[in-house]
Amino acid sequence: MLKWFEKNSVSDDVVISSRVRLARNIEKYNFPSKISDEDAVMIIGDVKDAVINIHEDNSYFRSINMDELSPIEKIAMVERHVISPNFVRSSIPTGLILSEDESISIMINEEDHLRIQSITNGLNLQEALDNAYKIDDLLEKKITYAYDEKIGYLTSCPTNVGTGLRASYMIHVPALETTGKLQFILDAIGKFGITVRGIYGEGSKARGSVFQISNQITLGHSENEIIDNLTSLTKQIVEQERALRIKLLSAKRLQFEDAVFRSYGVLANARIITSKEAMSLLSDIKLGYELGIFKSDVNNPINIYGLMTCIQPANLQKNINKELRLEERDIERATYIRNNLPKII
């Protein structure tokens, strides 16, 4: 089965993916920051009993023992947005429930007892939310959540109290970034309770003009309000990015085409390349493809974000089942790109 990031979507020219995370805690246990290892293990068992071997929309859920994974395998999951960096660093026993296509995951004993995550391609936040709530409802039939009638779901972080919902879009905005107009947008949307972060969330840097845009506060807002507000602002960003792309292409088409084809040439022939450079060049190719500068073979469609994911350091090493030094990774990355870069016509 294809992973979620290996699939294409009509709207993924700007919006790569939609993601929701539901923060939940179990009533009879302390929050993870105060929990004992014994109780942490009990929580893992409770969640596994509630969800394992359940099929939902043809997705098979399997249980993963995090202690059995190597550091590289854990970081590879972070790079694929399956788990969070904080989950990897947890000092208490943790567990993971994961669907076959990695679109749904349940982190057990992260900042909260449960982090139910659902990802879909493109501008499709409602579908992601619906999928997350299916799992949430399934769990709530067997587990009693920490819930207050007045304020909603109780969470470790005050900003998640209420719905416990954190929604986000992953966007590719090279035109806005290169022209410097993105910063004006970031300054404006902060007033609406929206934040923009790098590709791996809080504390991470943007690579390849890929950013995450998400809500900051859940208390006092319904799920629909959060989704509608975030989607409305994201659609405005999408419109501005698309308009600016056309404007730039119309003004200097030859220079634009030259830059895109040069980027393709480097990736198609490089023998050593860093992840930073590769992400920048792949961003150019993604933009060129979406503007119709070149097309892909119908039998070999372009999925640049999937390639961006696979060339990250840990996933490269996981792919060949070997730990590599920095320069060795750069060599392996160049080889992987040459072998997997879609042919253009």
Protein backbone atom coordinates (compact mmCIF):
# COMPACT_ATOMS: atom_id res chain seq x y z
CA MET A 1 0.00 0.00 0.00
CA LEU A 2 1.22 3.50 -0.85
CA LYS A 3 2.06 5.80 2.06
CA TRP A 4 -0.04 8.95 2.25
CA PHE A 5 2.85 11.10 1.01
CA GLU A 6 3.32 8.89 -2.05
CA LYS A 7 -0.11 9.80 -3.40
CA ASN A 8 -0.97 12.84 -5.53
CA SER A 9 -3.83 15.28 -5.00
CA VAL A 10 -5.52 17.87 -7.21
CA SER A 11 -4.90 20.68 -4.72
CA ASP A 12 -1.35 19.82 -3.70
CA ASP A 13 0.28 22.47 -5.91
CA VAL A 14 0.30 24.71 -2.82
CA VAL A 15 -1.28 22.65 -0.04
CA ILE A 16 0.69 19.43 0.33
CA SER A 17 -1.28 17.93 3.19
CA SER A 18 -3.91 18.47 5.86
CA ARG A 19 -3.38 17.16 9.38
CA VAL A 20 -5.32 17.08 12.63
CA ARG A 21 -4.18 15.93 16.06
CA LEU A 22 -6.51 15.26 18.96
CA ALA A 23 -5.03 15.46 22.46
CA ARG A 24 -6.71 13.13 24.94
CA ASN A 25 -5.99 11.93 28.48
CA ILE A 26 -7.38 9.00 30.44
CA GLU A 27 -9.31 10.03 33.53
CA LYS A 28 -7.84 7.57 36.04
CA TYR A 29 -4.17 8.42 35.36
CA ASN A 30 -1.95 11.44 36.03
CA PHE A 31 -0.70 13.46 33.08
CA PRO A 32 2.44 12.00 31.41
CA SER A 33 4.73 14.54 33.11
CA LYS A 34 3.70 13.11 36.52
CA ILE A 35 3.07 9.49 35.63
CA SER A 36 4.98 6.43 36.83
CA ASP A 37 6.53 3.98 34.39
CA GLU A 38 4.12 1.32 35.64
CA ASP A 39 1.08 3.45 34.82
CA ALA A 40 2.58 4.42 31.47
CA VAL A 41 2.80 0.73 30.57
CA MET A 42 -0.80 0.24 31.72
CA ILE A 43 -1.97 3.05 29.43
CA ILE A 44 -0.19 1.47 26.46
CA GLY A 45 -1.98 -1.78 27.19
CA ASP A 46 -5.37 -0.08 27.55
CA VAL A 47 -5.05 1.68 24.18
CA LYS A 48 -3.76 -1.40 22.37
CA ASP A 49 -6.68 -3.44 23.67
CA ALA A 50 -9.10 -0.79 22.44
CA VAL A 51 -7.83 -0.32 18.90
CA ILE A 52 -5.50 -3.10 17.75
CA ASN A 53 -6.62 -5.35 14.89
CA ILE A 54 -9.42 -2.93 14.04
CA HIS A 55 -9.91 -2.18 10.35
CA GLU A 56 -11.15 1.30 9.52
CA ASP A 57 -11.57 2.28 5.86
CA ASN A 58 -9.30 -0.60 4.85
CA SER A 59 -6.46 0.67 7.04
CA TYR A 60 -4.87 -1.98 9.20
CA PHE A 61 -3.65 -0.77 12.56
CA ARG A 62 -0.54 -2.35 13.98
CA SER A 63 1.14 -1.86 17.31
CA ILE A 64 4.76 -0.74 17.36
CA ASN A 65 7.03 -1.17 20.38
CA MET A 66 9.11 2.01 20.34
CA ASP A 67 11.81 0.43 22.51
CA GLU A 68 12.52 -2.06 19.73
CA LEU A 69 13.20 0.63 17.13
CA SER A 70 16.66 1.99 16.40
CA PRO A 71 17.32 5.75 16.74
CA ILE A 72 17.39 6.01 12.94
CA GLU A 73 14.00 4.30 12.60
CA LYS A 74 12.50 6.70 15.15
CA ILE A 75 13.89 9.81 13.45
CA ALA A 76 12.72 8.46 10.08
CA MET A 77 9.19 8.42 11.49
CA VAL A 78 9.59 12.05 12.56
CA GLU A 79 10.71 12.93 9.03
CA ARG A 80 7.60 11.20 7.65
CA HIS A 81 5.42 13.11 10.18
CA VAL A 82 4.26 9.88 11.82
CA ILE A 83 5.45 10.94 15.27
CA SER A 84 6.68 14.14 16.91
CA PRO A 85 10.25 14.95 18.00
CA ASN A 86 9.02 15.15 21.62
CA PHE A 87 7.71 11.60 21.36
CA VAL A 88 11.20 10.34 20.47
CA ARG A 89 12.69 12.13 23.47
CA SER A 90 10.13 10.84 25.98
CA SER A 91 11.59 9.53 29.26
CA ILE A 92 8.64 7.22 30.00
CA PRO A 93 7.45 4.07 28.18
CA THR A 94 5.71 4.94 24.91
CA GLY A 95 3.66 3.10 22.33
CA LEU A 96 2.50 3.68 18.77
CA ILE A 97 -0.51 2.50 16.81
CA LEU A 98 -0.08 3.04 13.07
CA SER A 99 -2.21 2.47 9.98
CA GLU A 100 -0.67 0.73 6.99
CA ASP A 101 -0.52 3.89 4.87
CA GLU A 102 0.73 5.93 7.85
CA SER A 103 -2.14 8.39 7.46
CA ILE A 104 -3.40 7.64 10.98
CA SER A 105 -1.24 7.26 14.07
CA ILE A 106 -1.85 7.19 17.80
CA MET A 107 1.08 8.29 19.94
CA ILE A 108 0.73 6.89 23.44
CA ASN A 109 2.36 8.85 26.29
CA GLU A 110 3.58 11.86 24.37
CA GLU A 111 2.72 15.22 26.01
CA ASP A 112 -0.73 13.71 26.61
CA HIS A 113 -1.74 10.09 27.08
CA LEU A 114 -3.04 10.01 23.50
CA ARG A 115 -2.25 12.02 20.40
CA ILE A 116 -4.57 10.83 17.64
CA GLN A 117 -3.25 12.05 14.30
CA SER A 118 -4.81 11.92 10.84
CA ILE A 119 -3.21 13.16 7.60
CA THR A 120 -4.72 13.54 4.13
CA ASN A 121 -3.33 14.88 0.87
CA GLY A 122 -4.05 18.40 -0.31
CA LEU A 123 -6.63 20.84 1.04
CA ASN A 124 -8.80 18.31 2.85
CA LEU A 125 -8.87 19.12 6.54
CA GLN A 126 -12.46 18.00 7.06
CA GLU A 127 -11.66 14.47 5.86
CA ALA A 128 -8.65 14.35 8.18
CA LEU A 129 -10.85 15.46 11.07
CA ASP A 130 -13.54 12.90 10.24
CA ASN A 131 -10.96 10.11 10.18
CA ALA A 132 -9.50 11.21 13.51
CA TYR A 133 -12.93 11.32 15.14
CA LYS A 134 -13.72 7.80 13.97
CA ILE A 135 -10.72 6.59 15.96
CA ASP A 136 -11.56 8.92 18.85
CA ASP A 137 -15.11 7.54 19.05
CA LEU A 138 -13.80 3.99 18.93
CA LEU A 139 -11.45 4.64 21.85
CA GLU A 140 -14.03 6.55 23.88
CA LYS A 141 -16.29 3.51 23.89
CA LYS A 142 -13.65 1.64 25.89
CA ILE A 143 -11.69 4.39 27.65
CA THR A 144 -12.96 7.16 29.93
CA TYR A 145 -11.34 10.46 28.94
CA ALA A 146 -10.42 13.30 31.30
CA TYR A 147 -13.22 15.74 30.49
CA ASP A 148 -14.82 18.76 32.13
CA GLU A 149 -18.39 19.70 31.22
CA LYS A 150 -17.58 23.42 31.24
CA ILE A 151 -14.23 23.61 29.44
CA GLY A 152 -13.96 20.34 27.53
CA TYR A 153 -11.06 17.90 27.23
CA LEU A 154 -8.31 18.31 29.83
CA THR A 155 -4.78 18.39 28.43
CA SER A 156 -1.22 18.86 29.65
CA CYS A 157 -0.77 22.12 27.74
CA PRO A 158 -3.34 24.89 28.43
CA THR A 159 -3.45 25.86 24.74
CA ASN A 160 -4.93 22.46 23.89
CA VAL A 161 -7.66 22.51 26.56
CA GLY A 162 -11.18 22.44 25.13
CA THR A 163 -11.49 20.55 21.88
CA GLY A 164 -7.92 19.25 22.15
CA LEU A 165 -7.73 19.88 18.41
CA ARG A 166 -4.61 21.06 16.61
CA ALA A 167 -5.18 21.43 12.88
CA SER A 168 -2.53 22.24 10.30
CA TYR A 169 -1.85 22.54 6.61
CA MET A 170 1.53 21.91 5.03
CA ILE A 171 2.05 24.45 2.27
CA HIS A 172 4.59 24.99 -0.52
CA VAL A 173 4.95 28.75 -1.12
CA PRO A 174 8.16 29.45 -3.08
CA ALA A 175 6.82 32.59 -4.79
CA LEU A 176 5.76 34.23 -1.54
CA GLU A 177 9.01 33.28 0.17
CA THR A 178 11.44 34.38 -2.54
CA THR A 179 9.71 37.75 -3.01
CA GLY A 180 9.71 38.42 0.73
CA LYS A 181 5.93 38.75 0.88
CA LEU A 182 5.49 35.73 3.12
CA GLN A 183 6.68 37.62 6.20
CA PHE A 184 3.89 40.19 5.82
CA ILE A 185 1.35 37.36 5.76
CA LEU A 186 2.89 35.71 8.82
CA ASP A 187 2.69 38.96 10.77
CA ALA A 188 -0.97 39.39 9.82
CA ILE A 189 -2.33 35.90 10.51
CA GLY A 190 -0.87 35.80 14.02
CA LYS A 191 -3.69 38.13 15.04
CA PHE A 192 -6.18 35.39 14.16
CA GLY A 193 -4.65 32.75 16.44
CA ILE A 194 -2.72 31.12 13.60
CA THR A 195 0.98 30.30 13.61
CA VAL A 196 3.42 29.27 10.88
CA ARG A 197 6.36 26.97 11.54
CA GLY A 198 9.00 25.03 9.64
CA ILE A 199 8.49 21.69 7.95
CA TYR A 200 8.74 19.69 11.21
CA GLY A 201 6.75 22.04 13.39
CA GLU A 202 7.81 24.09 16.38
CA GLY A 203 11.51 24.98 16.42
CA SER A 204 12.21 23.61 12.95
CA LYS A 205 13.33 25.50 9.86
CA ALA A 206 11.55 25.74 6.54
CA ARG A 207 13.27 23.79 3.78
CA GLY A 208 12.28 23.82 0.14
CA SER A 209 9.77 26.63 0.83
CA VAL A 210 7.63 24.16 2.82
CA PHE A 211 5.85 25.50 5.91
CA GLN A 212 3.24 24.35 8.42
CA ILE A 213 0.32 26.64 9.25
CA SER A 214 -1.80 25.73 12.29
CA ASN A 215 -4.17 26.98 14.99
CA GLN A 216 -2.66 27.98 18.34
CA ILE A 217 -5.57 27.90 20.79
CA THR A 218 -8.55 25.55 21.16
CA LEU A 219 -10.29 26.79 24.32
CA GLY A 220 -13.49 28.69 23.58
CA HIS A 221 -13.64 27.60 19.95
CA SER A 222 -15.61 24.75 18.40
CA GLU A 223 -14.05 22.24 16.04
CA ASN A 224 -15.89 23.80 13.09
CA GLU A 225 -14.71 27.29 14.00
CA ILE A 226 -11.10 26.13 14.18
CA ILE A 227 -11.31 24.29 10.86
CA ASP A 228 -13.19 27.07 9.05
CA ASN A 229 -10.87 29.81 10.31
CA LEU A 230 -7.70 27.95 9.37
CA THR A 231 -9.05 26.85 6.00
CA SER A 232 -10.24 30.35 5.10
CA LEU A 233 -6.85 31.90 5.85
CA THR A 234 -5.02 29.09 4.06
CA LYS A 235 -7.16 29.54 0.94
CA GLN A 236 -6.20 33.22 0.90
CA ILE A 237 -2.52 32.25 1.05
CA VAL A 238 -3.07 29.73 -1.76
CA GLU A 239 -4.69 32.40 -3.95
CA GLN A 240 -1.85 34.85 -3.32
CA GLU A 241 0.81 32.21 -4.02
CA ARG A 242 -0.84 31.12 -7.28
CA ALA A 243 -1.33 34.70 -8.48
CA LEU A 244 2.27 35.60 -7.67
CA ARG A 245 3.57 32.53 -9.51
CA ILE A 246 1.75 33.57 -12.69
CA LYS A 247 2.98 37.15 -12.31
CA LEU A 248 6.60 36.07 -11.92
CA LEU A 249 6.37 33.65 -14.84
CA SER A 250 4.81 36.29 -17.12
CA ALA A 251 7.43 38.89 -16.25
CA LYS A 252 10.53 36.74 -16.80
CA ARG A 253 9.50 33.46 -18.39
CA LEU A 254 12.87 32.63 -19.99
CA GLN A 255 14.82 33.26 -16.78
CA PHE A 256 12.22 31.28 -14.85
CA GLU A 257 12.43 28.32 -17.21
CA ASP A 258 16.23 28.46 -17.15
CA ALA A 259 16.33 28.30 -13.35
CA VAL A 260 13.92 25.35 -13.25
CA PHE A 261 15.78 23.34 -15.89
CA ARG A 262 19.13 24.10 -14.24
CA SER A 263 17.75 22.72 -10.97
CA TYR A 264 16.61 19.58 -12.77
CA GLY A 265 20.01 19.23 -14.42
CA VAL A 266 21.86 19.43 -11.12
CA LEU A 267 19.64 16.84 -9.46
CA ALA A 268 19.79 14.52 -12.47
CA ASN A 269 23.59 14.54 -12.49
CA ALA A 270 24.90 15.43 -9.01
CA ARG A 271 27.12 12.88 -7.26
CA ILE A 272 26.96 14.52 -3.85
CA ILE A 273 24.31 16.85 -2.44
CA THR A 274 23.16 18.11 0.96
CA SER A 275 19.55 17.86 2.08
CA LYS A 276 19.28 21.67 2.17
CA GLU A 277 20.39 22.06 -1.45
CA ALA A 278 18.32 19.11 -2.62
CA MET A 279 15.18 20.51 -0.98
CA SER A 280 15.71 23.88 -2.64
CA LEU A 281 16.22 22.35 -6.09
CA LEU A 282 13.27 19.98 -5.69
CA SER A 283 11.16 22.99 -4.75
CA ASP A 284 12.12 24.57 -8.09
CA ILE A 285 11.13 21.42 -9.96
CA LYS A 286 7.81 21.15 -8.14
CA LEU A 287 7.08 24.76 -9.04
CA GLY A 288 8.11 24.25 -12.67
CA TYR A 289 5.89 21.21 -13.02
CA GLU A 290 2.90 22.99 -11.51
CA LEU A 291 3.34 25.98 -13.83
CA GLY A 292 3.44 23.72 -16.88
CA ILE A 293 7.07 24.47 -17.75
CA PHE A 294 7.53 20.74 -18.16
CA LYS A 295 5.39 17.66 -17.81
CA SER A 296 6.00 14.17 -16.53
CA ASP A 297 5.56 10.86 -18.28
CA VAL A 298 1.98 9.66 -17.74
CA ASN A 299 3.38 6.34 -16.50
CA ASN A 300 5.80 8.07 -14.13
CA PRO A 301 3.89 10.94 -12.45
CA ILE A 302 5.72 13.56 -10.46
CA ASN A 303 5.38 13.46 -6.68
CA ILE A 304 8.07 15.81 -5.49
CA TYR A 305 7.00 15.88 -1.85
CA GLY A 306 7.30 12.11 -1.69
CA LEU A 307 10.85 12.44 -2.98
CA MET A 308 11.56 15.24 -0.50
CA THR A 309 10.54 12.91 2.31
CA CYS A 310 12.60 9.95 1.15
CA ILE A 311 15.86 11.94 0.89
CA GLN A 312 15.83 13.10 4.51
CA PRO A 313 18.85 11.79 6.49
CA ALA A 314 17.18 9.09 8.58
CA ASN A 315 14.95 7.80 5.79
CA LEU A 316 17.95 7.50 3.48
CA GLN A 317 19.74 5.37 6.06
CA LYS A 318 16.64 3.33 6.81
CA ASN A 319 16.18 2.64 3.10
CA ILE A 320 19.58 0.95 2.82
CA ASN A 321 19.56 -0.35 6.41
CA LYS A 322 22.93 1.20 7.15
CA GLU A 323 24.18 4.05 9.31
CA LEU A 324 26.07 6.63 7.27
CA ARG A 325 28.46 9.47 8.01
CA LEU A 326 27.51 12.98 6.83
CA GLU A 327 29.38 12.85 3.50
CA GLU A 328 28.18 9.30 2.86
CA ARG A 329 24.61 10.50 3.31
CA ASP A 330 25.15 13.27 0.78
CA ILE A 331 26.50 10.74 -1.72
CA GLU A 332 23.63 8.32 -1.08
CA ARG A 333 21.12 11.18 -1.42
CA ALA A 334 22.48 12.14 -4.83
CA THR A 335 22.32 8.51 -5.95
CA TYR A 336 18.76 8.10 -4.69
CA ILE A 337 17.63 11.26 -6.48
CA ARG A 338 19.24 10.23 -9.78
CA ASN A 339 17.49 6.87 -9.57
CA ASN A 340 14.09 8.26 -8.60
CA LEU A 341 13.83 11.69 -10.22
CA PRO A 342 10.86 11.55 -12.62
CA LYS A 343 11.61 11.86 -16.31
CA ILE A 344 10.26 15.05 -17.86
CA ILE A 345 8.85 15.74 -21.31
